[in-house]
Structures are given as C-alpha cells and as structure tokens.
Amino acid sequence: MAPAKSIAVAMGLSVVVSATPVLAGQQVYIYSVVHPLYGEIGTLTDTVDRGSDVLRIDSPMRIAVDLLGVVVYRHESDTTEIMRNGRLISLQSVIEKDGQHLEVHGEAQGDQFVVNATAGSFTGPAATAPCDPWVLKHTGEGAVVYPSTGRITNAHVSGGDYQRISVNGALVPTRHFAVMGDNREDVWLDNREIPIMFRTVEDGTPIDFVLQEAGAGGGPALVAASEHSIHPRSGNTSK
C-alpha cells in the first residue's frame, strides 16, 4: 500500500543543526497525518524539551488506515533523539509496522555516529544529524540518519524562500525548505522556526503532517491547522 513506504521515512527531514533553542523548556506539538486518498489516518506528537545545551525530542506516531471498518495498514513508532550542543548523541526508535518489529539504536562514539538497527549497522561522521524538521535551520549538505531504518546517507537542503500557506482559511507566513535525501521532503517553518507543516513524497504519494495544537508542557495553546485542504502557495513576503 502506498502509505507504508511513505510513512516509514516521514520522520526524516533535516541537515543542519542549530544549538540555539527557539523556545526554552518543554513544548508539545500534535500533528495530523493526512493521506491524499484516505484522509486523516493518524497523529504524530512531538514533545520538544530544550535545555541550555541539550535538546530532546520524543515522537510517538500512531497510524491506522481503515477501509470499511477493517484496518488494512497499521504503523506505530516511538522515537527519542537527544542532542548536546547541536550534535546528535543518541537516537532510539522502536517501530511496529504491519506485524513487523523494527528497532534503531544509535549513539555518538568519538568522531563517529554508530547505528545498530534491524536493517543493519551504519556509521557516519560525528556531525550526522537526525532527519527531523525540528533541527532544520539552513540550506546545505550533510549526513543524516533516518530514525525509521537507521540508514545514514547524504542529503541536500535547498530553498528557505518566504511563502504564505493557507492554514484553516488564513494565510500564514512561512519559510519553505526542500530536502533531497532518500526521497523528497518539504518543510514549512513559521517565524519561530516551528514546523507548521511538513510533507514526504514517495512513489508520487504525498503524506502531509499538519500542526493541530501546540503548547507548553502538554497544554494546548494554539490551533495552527485543522483542515485537510492546506495548500502551500507563494506570497509576496520576501524580505
């Protein structure tokens, strides 16, 4: 089924890491996972905890595709990324996908980042970044690790142009980045560098992750998007 491969890599989206926190403390962000054919098929909850030198991101994702009351695809994953002074030091992921049990365990070791995963073992440079829209800041190239597989590869980030996207009937100013790694990813960041929406495309099928709620310590503070029909479009917002 088309969602399977797309969702398996939907967590992967960045190259360059910033050590400066956008918002201090713990913030919780809830995204709807939207398929172009099946509509809303699940949720991704990112708990982002920023300290003075440590960034921790916990990301449980729960997806189920239901056709006529029958679940034809299920994907559940729990991922934890820990960064210190802008460097990834730990990546842990456990995935249950249509009866498959997959694990990824990665850690910094000297001048390398080493991963042992169900899919195999992988080694990258110490500057390897997690594939995650939360650490996307700049354009460029670098090594990234995919939490869904543990695979380490090079990716290229381009764009950063100012755009307005339609969010729940309102135009929201964002910066749009495109990421080319194992597949194409698109990310739209607001003026606080919060991912308002991100998209993964594989085999021609776009899967959207649309921000619904955000708040400190799990308390919702805003509704950034609540409609499936969110279409990025250019706006005259260039500085």
Protein backbone atom coordinates (compact mmCIF):
# COMPACT_ATOMS: atom_id res chain seq x y z
CA MET A 1 0.00 0.00 0.00
CA ALA A 2 1.22 3.48 -0.83
CA PRO A 3 1.26 4.87 2.76
CA ALA A 4 3.59 2.17 4.05
CA LYS A 5 6.84 3.31 2.47
CA SER A 6 5.99 6.99 2.76
CA ILE A 7 5.26 6.91 6.46
CA ALA A 8 8.29 4.78 7.17
CA VAL A 9 10.52 7.72 6.23
CA ALA A 10 8.23 10.56 7.18
CA MET A 11 10.33 11.48 10.19
CA GLY A 12 13.34 12.35 8.10
CA LEU A 13 13.85 15.95 7.14
CA SER A 14 17.00 17.87 8.02
CA VAL A 15 20.69 18.51 7.58
CA VAL A 16 21.98 21.46 9.59
CA VAL A 17 21.54 21.75 13.33
CA SER A 18 21.30 24.91 15.42
CA ALA A 19 22.41 24.80 19.05
CA THR A 20 20.27 27.83 19.93
CA PRO A 21 16.84 26.88 21.29
CA VAL A 22 13.78 28.53 19.76
CA LEU A 23 11.64 28.14 22.87
CA ALA A 24 13.07 27.09 26.24
CA GLY A 25 11.50 24.30 28.27
CA GLN A 26 9.13 21.58 27.16
CA GLN A 27 6.67 22.14 24.32
CA VAL A 28 4.20 19.63 22.88
CA TYR A 29 3.12 19.69 19.22
CA ILE A 30 0.36 17.50 17.79
CA TYR A 31 0.21 16.84 14.04
CA SER A 32 -2.47 15.18 11.94
CA VAL A 33 -1.14 12.69 9.41
CA VAL A 34 -3.04 13.17 6.15
CA HIS A 35 -3.08 10.90 3.11
CA PRO A 36 -4.43 12.33 -0.19
CA LEU A 37 -6.77 9.34 -0.70
CA TYR A 38 -7.63 8.12 2.81
CA GLY A 39 -7.72 11.49 4.56
CA GLU A 40 -6.61 11.74 8.20
CA ILE A 41 -5.03 8.44 9.15
CA GLY A 42 -3.29 9.19 12.45
CA THR A 43 -1.31 11.54 14.66
CA LEU A 44 2.28 12.42 15.42
CA THR A 45 3.04 14.00 18.81
CA ASP A 46 6.39 15.76 19.18
CA THR A 47 7.49 16.64 22.70
CA VAL A 48 10.41 19.05 22.33
CA ASP A 49 12.41 19.68 25.52
CA ARG A 50 15.10 22.35 25.21
CA GLY A 51 17.72 22.99 27.88
CA SER A 52 20.77 25.22 27.90
CA ASP A 53 22.85 22.68 25.95
CA VAL A 54 20.59 19.63 25.50
CA LEU A 55 17.69 19.13 23.10
CA ARG A 56 15.46 16.08 23.48
CA ILE A 57 12.66 15.17 21.06
CA ASP A 58 10.19 12.36 21.82
CA SER A 59 7.99 11.44 18.88
CA PRO A 60 5.28 8.78 19.19
CA MET A 61 3.34 8.23 15.95
CA ARG A 62 0.11 6.25 15.66
CA ILE A 63 -1.35 5.48 12.23
CA ALA A 64 -4.11 3.19 11.04
CA VAL A 65 -5.75 3.01 7.62
CA ASP A 66 -9.35 1.83 7.96
CA LEU A 67 -11.36 0.67 4.96
CA LEU A 68 -15.00 -0.21 5.61
CA GLY A 69 -14.26 -0.92 9.26
CA VAL A 70 -11.22 -3.08 8.54
CA VAL A 71 -7.71 -1.88 9.40
CA VAL A 72 -5.62 -2.59 6.31
CA TYR A 73 -2.45 -0.85 7.46
CA ARG A 74 -1.08 -0.03 10.91
CA HIS A 75 2.08 1.80 11.91
CA GLU A 76 3.15 2.63 15.47
CA SER A 77 6.52 4.09 16.36
CA ASP A 78 8.26 5.70 19.32
CA THR A 79 11.41 7.70 18.66
CA THR A 80 13.71 9.62 21.00
CA GLU A 81 16.50 11.92 19.80
CA ILE A 82 18.96 13.61 22.16
CA MET A 83 21.34 16.33 21.04
CA ARG A 84 24.02 18.13 23.03
CA ASN A 85 25.47 21.44 21.85
CA GLY A 86 23.97 20.86 18.42
CA ARG A 87 25.35 17.32 17.98
CA LEU A 88 23.30 14.14 17.95
CA ILE A 89 24.42 11.88 20.79
CA SER A 90 21.57 9.34 20.93
CA LEU A 91 18.83 8.04 18.64
CA GLN A 92 16.43 5.32 19.77
CA SER A 93 13.44 4.10 17.78
CA VAL A 94 11.01 1.18 18.12
CA ILE A 95 8.57 0.54 15.28
CA GLU A 96 5.65 -1.84 14.85
CA LYS A 97 4.59 -1.87 11.20
CA ASP A 98 2.02 -4.37 9.91
CA GLY A 99 3.33 -7.12 12.16
CA GLN A 100 6.99 -6.22 11.72
CA HIS A 101 9.06 -5.26 14.76
CA LEU A 102 11.92 -2.89 13.93
CA GLU A 103 14.46 -1.18 16.19
CA VAL A 104 17.11 1.50 15.72
CA HIS A 105 19.80 2.23 18.31
CA GLY A 106 22.37 4.92 17.55
CA GLU A 107 24.92 6.80 19.62
CA ALA A 108 27.89 9.09 19.25
CA GLN A 109 31.22 7.29 19.59
CA GLY A 110 34.26 9.53 19.31
CA ASP A 111 34.39 11.06 15.85
CA GLN A 112 31.59 8.82 14.53
CA PHE A 113 27.87 8.22 14.93
CA VAL A 114 27.23 4.48 15.06
CA VAL A 115 23.86 2.78 14.47
CA ASN A 116 22.79 -0.79 15.11
CA ALA A 117 19.36 -1.50 13.66
CA THR A 118 17.15 -4.31 12.48
CA ALA A 119 18.01 -3.24 8.92
CA GLY A 120 21.76 -3.45 9.61
CA SER A 121 24.67 -1.44 11.00
CA PHE A 122 25.58 2.04 9.78
CA THR A 123 28.37 4.50 10.56
CA GLY A 124 28.54 8.22 9.82
CA PRO A 125 30.56 11.24 10.89
CA ALA A 126 30.16 12.84 14.31
CA ALA A 127 28.21 15.66 12.65
CA THR A 128 25.47 13.26 11.48
CA ALA A 129 22.11 14.95 12.11
CA PRO A 130 18.76 13.35 12.84
CA CYS A 131 16.32 13.55 9.95
CA ASP A 132 13.83 15.76 11.72
CA PRO A 133 12.16 19.08 10.76
CA TRP A 134 12.87 20.46 14.24
CA VAL A 135 16.59 20.74 13.54
CA LEU A 136 16.23 22.15 10.03
CA LYS A 137 17.68 25.68 10.01
CA HIS A 138 19.79 26.30 6.92
CA THR A 139 20.44 25.11 3.40
CA GLY A 140 23.41 22.90 2.59
CA GLU A 141 24.58 19.29 2.54
CA GLY A 142 25.42 16.82 5.26
CA ALA A 143 24.99 13.32 6.66
CA VAL A 144 21.59 12.40 8.08
CA VAL A 145 20.28 9.33 9.90
CA TYR A 146 16.73 8.07 9.36
CA PRO A 147 15.00 7.04 12.62
CA SER A 148 12.77 4.61 10.72
CA THR A 149 15.66 2.45 9.45
CA GLY A 150 18.92 3.70 10.98
CA ARG A 151 20.27 4.28 7.49
CA ILE A 152 22.83 7.11 7.20
CA THR A 153 23.06 8.99 3.92
CA ASN A 154 23.88 12.42 2.50
CA ALA A 155 21.07 14.89 1.96
CA HIS A 156 20.81 18.32 0.38
CA VAL A 157 18.60 21.12 1.74
CA SER A 158 17.56 23.95 -0.57
CA GLY A 159 15.07 26.78 -0.51
CA GLY A 160 14.33 28.88 2.55
CA ASP A 161 12.17 31.22 0.49
CA TYR A 162 9.40 33.13 2.22
CA GLN A 163 5.92 31.87 1.38
CA ARG A 164 2.43 32.16 2.73
CA ILE A 165 0.43 28.96 3.13
CA SER A 166 -3.29 28.73 3.67
CA VAL A 167 -3.93 27.37 7.17
CA ASN A 168 -7.53 26.89 8.22
CA GLY A 169 -8.65 29.74 5.99
CA ALA A 170 -5.86 32.14 6.99
CA LEU A 171 -2.58 32.94 5.25
CA VAL A 172 0.42 32.16 7.47
CA PRO A 173 3.94 33.45 6.62
CA THR A 174 6.49 30.63 6.48
CA ARG A 175 9.85 29.66 5.03
CA HIS A 176 9.77 26.68 2.67
CA PHE A 177 12.65 24.20 2.50
CA ALA A 178 13.08 21.20 0.21
CA VAL A 179 15.17 18.23 1.31
CA MET A 180 16.56 15.65 -1.10
CA GLY A 181 17.86 12.51 0.57
CA ASP A 182 16.48 9.01 0.14
CA ASN A 183 13.34 10.77 -1.08
CA ARG A 184 11.96 14.32 -1.30
CA GLU A 185 10.74 16.12 1.80
CA ASP A 186 9.22 19.60 2.16
CA VAL A 187 9.09 21.65 5.36
CA TRP A 188 7.27 24.91 6.14
CA LEU A 189 8.60 26.77 9.22
CA ASP A 190 6.90 29.75 10.88
CA ASN A 191 8.73 32.81 12.23
CA ARG A 192 9.62 30.89 15.42
CA GLU A 193 11.13 28.05 13.36
CA ILE A 194 8.26 25.75 14.30
CA PRO A 195 7.25 23.27 11.57
CA ILE A 196 3.70 24.29 10.65
CA MET A 197 3.55 21.52 8.07
CA PHE A 198 5.89 19.00 6.51
CA ARG A 199 5.44 16.55 3.68
CA THR A 200 7.11 13.40 2.46
CA VAL A 201 6.70 12.16 -1.10
CA GLU A 202 7.45 8.62 -2.21
CA ASP A 203 6.29 6.86 -5.34
CA GLY A 204 4.35 10.01 -6.15
CA THR A 205 2.23 9.91 -2.97
CA PRO A 206 2.45 12.97 -0.67
CA ILE A 207 1.88 12.41 3.06
CA ASP A 208 1.23 15.62 5.00
CA PHE A 209 1.90 16.28 8.68
CA VAL A 210 -0.20 19.28 9.69
CA LEU A 211 0.16 21.06 13.04
CA GLN A 212 -3.05 20.97 15.07
CA GLU A 213 -2.08 22.00 18.60
CA ALA A 214 0.95 23.40 20.37
CA GLY A 215 1.55 24.25 24.00
CA ALA A 216 3.90 24.22 26.96
CA GLY A 217 4.07 21.06 28.99
CA GLY A 218 1.30 19.40 27.02
CA GLY A 219 -1.30 22.12 27.44
CA PRO A 220 -2.62 23.17 24.01
CA ALA A 221 -2.01 26.85 23.37
CA LEU A 222 -2.91 27.27 19.73
CA VAL A 223 -4.56 25.55 16.82
CA ALA A 224 -2.33 26.07 13.83
CA ALA A 225 -4.27 23.94 11.40
CA SER A 226 -7.44 21.90 11.45
CA GLU A 227 -8.33 21.40 7.80
CA HIS A 228 -7.04 18.78 5.40
CA SER A 229 -7.11 21.23 2.49
CA ILE A 230 -3.89 23.04 3.28
CA HIS A 231 -2.09 24.02 0.10
CA PRO A 232 1.20 25.92 0.13
CA ARG A 233 1.15 28.88 -2.20
CA SER A 234 3.58 31.67 -2.85
CA GLY A 235 3.04 35.04 -1.28
CA ASN A 236 4.76 38.38 -1.66
CA THR A 237 6.63 38.13 1.62
CA SER A 238 10.25 38.18 0.51
CA LYS A 239 12.46 40.44 2.59
